[in-house]
C-alpha atoms as a PDB file:
ATOM      1  CA  UNK A   1     122.500  63.816 104.958  1.00  0.00           C
ATOM      2  CA  UNK A   2     120.198  64.281 101.949  1.00  0.00           C
ATOM      3  CA  UNK A   3     120.874  65.800  98.597  1.00  0.00           C
ATOM      4  CA  UNK A   4     121.310  69.584  98.605  1.00  0.00           C
ATOM      5  CA  UNK A   5     118.480  71.246  96.740  1.00  0.00           C
ATOM      6  CA  UNK A   6     118.751  73.351  93.642  1.00  0.00           C
ATOM      7  CA  UNK A   7     115.992  75.645  92.505  1.00  0.00           C
ATOM      8  CA  UNK A   8     115.359  76.943  89.010  1.00  0.00           C
ATOM      9  CA  UNK A   9     112.765  79.394  87.730  1.00  0.00           C
ATOM     10  CA  UNK A  10     111.293  78.959  84.263  1.00  0.00           C
ATOM     11  CA  UNK A  11     108.259  80.231  82.404  1.00  0.00           C
ATOM     12  CA  UNK A  12     105.747  77.943  80.749  1.00  0.00           C
ATOM     13  CA  UNK A  13     102.946  79.706  78.880  1.00  0.00           C
ATOM     14  CA  UNK A  14     101.234  81.914  81.501  1.00  0.00           C
ATOM     15  CA  UNK A  15     102.847  80.095  84.412  1.00  0.00           C
ATOM     16  CA  UNK A  16     105.991  80.672  86.468  1.00  0.00           C
ATOM     17  CA  UNK A  17     107.607  77.344  87.325  1.00  0.00           C
ATOM     18  CA  UNK A  18     109.862  76.821  90.332  1.00  0.00           C
ATOM     19  CA  UNK A  19     111.657  73.513  89.888  1.00  0.00           C
ATOM     20  CA  UNK A  20     112.973  71.726  92.983  1.00  0.00           C
ATOM     21  CA  UNK A  21     115.857  69.297  92.525  1.00  0.00           C
ATOM     22  CA  UNK A  22     116.934  67.511  95.703  1.00  0.00           C
ATOM     23  CA  UNK A  23     115.615  67.868  99.242  1.00  0.00           C
ATOM     24  CA  UNK A  24     113.148  70.570 100.284  1.00  0.00           C
ATOM     25  CA  UNK A  25     113.701  70.558 104.026  1.00  0.00           C
ATOM     26  CA  UNK A  26     114.796  72.693 106.976  1.00  0.00           C
ATOM     27  CA  UNK A  27     118.237  73.239 105.429  1.00  0.00           C
ATOM     28  CA  UNK A  28     116.896  74.425 102.053  1.00  0.00           C
ATOM     29  CA  UNK A  29     113.484  75.966 102.772  1.00  0.00           C
ATOM     30  CA  UNK A  30     114.844  79.522 103.174  1.00  0.00           C
ATOM     31  CA  UNK A  31     116.495  79.305  99.759  1.00  0.00           C
ATOM     32  CA  UNK A  32     113.236  78.027  98.272  1.00  0.00           C
ATOM     33  CA  UNK A  33     111.386  80.948  99.918  1.00  0.00           C
ATOM     34  CA  UNK A  34     113.863  83.408  98.371  1.00  0.00           C
ATOM     35  CA  UNK A  35     113.442  81.792  94.966  1.00  0.00           C
ATOM     36  CA  UNK A  36     109.648  82.017  95.165  1.00  0.00           C
ATOM     37  CA  UNK A  37     109.870  85.621  96.415  1.00  0.00           C
ATOM     38  CA  UNK A  38     111.883  86.493  93.301  1.00  0.00           C
ATOM     39  CA  UNK A  39     108.929  85.538  91.077  1.00  0.00           C
ATOM     40  CA  UNK A  40     106.037  87.781  90.074  1.00  0.00           C
ATOM     41  CA  UNK A  41     103.448  87.430  92.819  1.00  0.00           C
ATOM     42  CA  UNK A  42     100.445  88.003  90.548  1.00  0.00           C
ATOM     43  CA  UNK A  43     101.258  85.062  88.273  1.00  0.00           C
ATOM     44  CA  UNK A  44     100.203  81.431  88.326  1.00  0.00           C
ATOM     45  CA  UNK A  45     102.947  79.543  90.176  1.00  0.00           C
ATOM     46  CA  UNK A  46     103.660  75.883  89.500  1.00  0.00           C
ATOM     47  CA  UNK A  47     105.944  74.112  91.956  1.00  0.00           C
ATOM     48  CA  UNK A  48     107.670  71.266  90.158  1.00  0.00           C
ATOM     49  CA  UNK A  49     108.479  68.515  92.668  1.00  0.00           C
ATOM     50  CA  UNK A  50     109.192  65.790  90.094  1.00  0.00           C
ATOM     51  CA  UNK A  51     112.907  65.886  90.981  1.00  0.00           C
ATOM     52  CA  UNK A  52     112.368  66.531  94.710  1.00  0.00           C
ATOM     53  CA  UNK A  53     113.903  63.675  96.703  1.00  0.00           C
ATOM     54  CA  UNK A  54     112.654  64.556 100.199  1.00  0.00           C
ATOM     55  CA  UNK A  55     110.001  66.892 101.623  1.00  0.00           C
ATOM     56  CA  UNK A  56     109.650  67.702 105.317  1.00  0.00           C
ATOM     57  CA  UNK A  57     107.447  70.046 107.355  1.00  0.00           C
ATOM     58  CA  UNK A  58     109.709  73.027 106.623  1.00  0.00           C
ATOM     59  CA  UNK A  59     109.260  72.425 102.919  1.00  0.00           C
ATOM     60  CA  UNK A  60     105.522  72.075 103.387  1.00  0.00           C
ATOM     61  CA  UNK A  61     105.447  75.386 105.247  1.00  0.00           C
ATOM     62  CA  UNK A  62     107.328  77.019 102.382  1.00  0.00           C
ATOM     63  CA  UNK A  63     104.872  75.647  99.832  1.00  0.00           C
ATOM     64  CA  UNK A  64     101.944  76.895 101.931  1.00  0.00           C
ATOM     65  CA  UNK A  65     103.600  80.329 102.192  1.00  0.00           C
ATOM     66  CA  UNK A  66     104.004  80.389  98.402  1.00  0.00           C
ATOM     67  CA  UNK A  67     100.295  79.638  98.093  1.00  0.00           C
ATOM     68  CA  UNK A  68      99.549  82.694 100.237  1.00  0.00           C
ATOM     69  CA  UNK A  69     101.742  84.878  98.029  1.00  0.00           C
ATOM     70  CA  UNK A  70     100.367  83.835  94.620  1.00  0.00           C
ATOM     71  CA  UNK A  71      96.737  83.890  93.462  1.00  0.00           C
ATOM     72  CA  UNK A  72      97.024  80.459  91.861  1.00  0.00           C
ATOM     73  CA  UNK A  73      99.466  77.701  92.820  1.00  0.00           C
ATOM     74  CA  UNK A  74      99.723  74.195  91.408  1.00  0.00           C
ATOM     75  CA  UNK A  75     102.038  71.342  92.312  1.00  0.00           C
ATOM     76  CA  UNK A  76     103.483  68.855  89.848  1.00  0.00           C
ATOM     77  CA  UNK A  77     104.665  65.654  91.550  1.00  0.00           C
ATOM     78  CA  UNK A  78     104.971  61.966  90.704  1.00  0.00           C
ATOM     79  CA  UNK A  79     107.062  60.397  93.472  1.00  0.00           C
ATOM     80  CA  UNK A  80     104.851  58.229  95.731  1.00  0.00           C
ATOM     81  CA  UNK A  81     106.688  59.405  98.872  1.00  0.00           C
ATOM     82  CA  UNK A  82     106.237  63.091  98.015  1.00  0.00           C
ATOM     83  CA  UNK A  83     102.590  62.495  97.094  1.00  0.00           C
ATOM     84  CA  UNK A  84     102.075  60.723 100.427  1.00  0.00           C
ATOM     85  CA  UNK A  85     103.472  63.707 102.353  1.00  0.00           C
ATOM     86  CA  UNK A  86     101.122  66.026 100.440  1.00  0.00           C
ATOM     87  CA  UNK A  87      98.241  63.710 101.299  1.00  0.00           C
ATOM     88  CA  UNK A  88      99.110  63.301 104.997  1.00  0.00           C
ATOM     89  CA  UNK A  89      99.362  67.058 105.463  1.00  0.00           C
ATOM     90  CA  UNK A  90      96.196  67.648 103.401  1.00  0.00           C
ATOM     91  CA  UNK A  91      98.056  70.099 101.196  1.00  0.00           C
ATOM     92  CA  UNK A  92      96.656  68.117  98.265  1.00  0.00           C
ATOM     93  CA  UNK A  93      93.179  69.274  99.296  1.00  0.00           C
ATOM     94  CA  UNK A  94      94.216  72.945  99.339  1.00  0.00           C
ATOM     95  CA  UNK A  95      96.278  73.003  96.127  1.00  0.00           C
ATOM     96  CA  UNK A  96      95.828  71.072  92.895  1.00  0.00           C
ATOM     97  CA  UNK A  97      98.410  68.321  92.443  1.00  0.00           C
ATOM     98  CA  UNK A  98      99.165  67.133  88.914  1.00  0.00           C
ATOM     99  CA  UNK A  99     101.343  64.401  87.423  1.00  0.00           C
ATOM    100  CA  UNK A 100     102.429  66.563  84.470  1.00  0.00           C
ATOM    101  CA  UNK A 101     102.404  70.100  83.187  1.00  0.00           C
ATOM    102  CA  UNK A 102      99.813  69.125  80.568  1.00  0.00           C
ATOM    103  CA  UNK A 103      97.313  68.877  83.454  1.00  0.00           C
ATOM    104  CA  UNK A 104      98.264  72.256  84.944  1.00  0.00           C
ATOM    105  CA  UNK A 105      96.795  74.319  82.101  1.00  0.00           C
END
């Protein structure tokens, strides 16, 4: 069994950041959805996957749902496995993916 996910919400300049620590999968996607729903829907949302250890189709669905809720969504990720999942699912063509928050602005 993978690492249980923790989610944290922060603010960075004009951006709401949802930080994922651990797995974003079938077991944790509903909690991620609730965390995203607690944010202001008219703000720029950055999903920080730098500490995400696993991402499955349920997590991808949750990220896509977040993109439908917010006018602007960015992803910050550096792990090659996470980046590969974003590439395979073509989510990287629908949402900007950055290596750091300096690139998000």
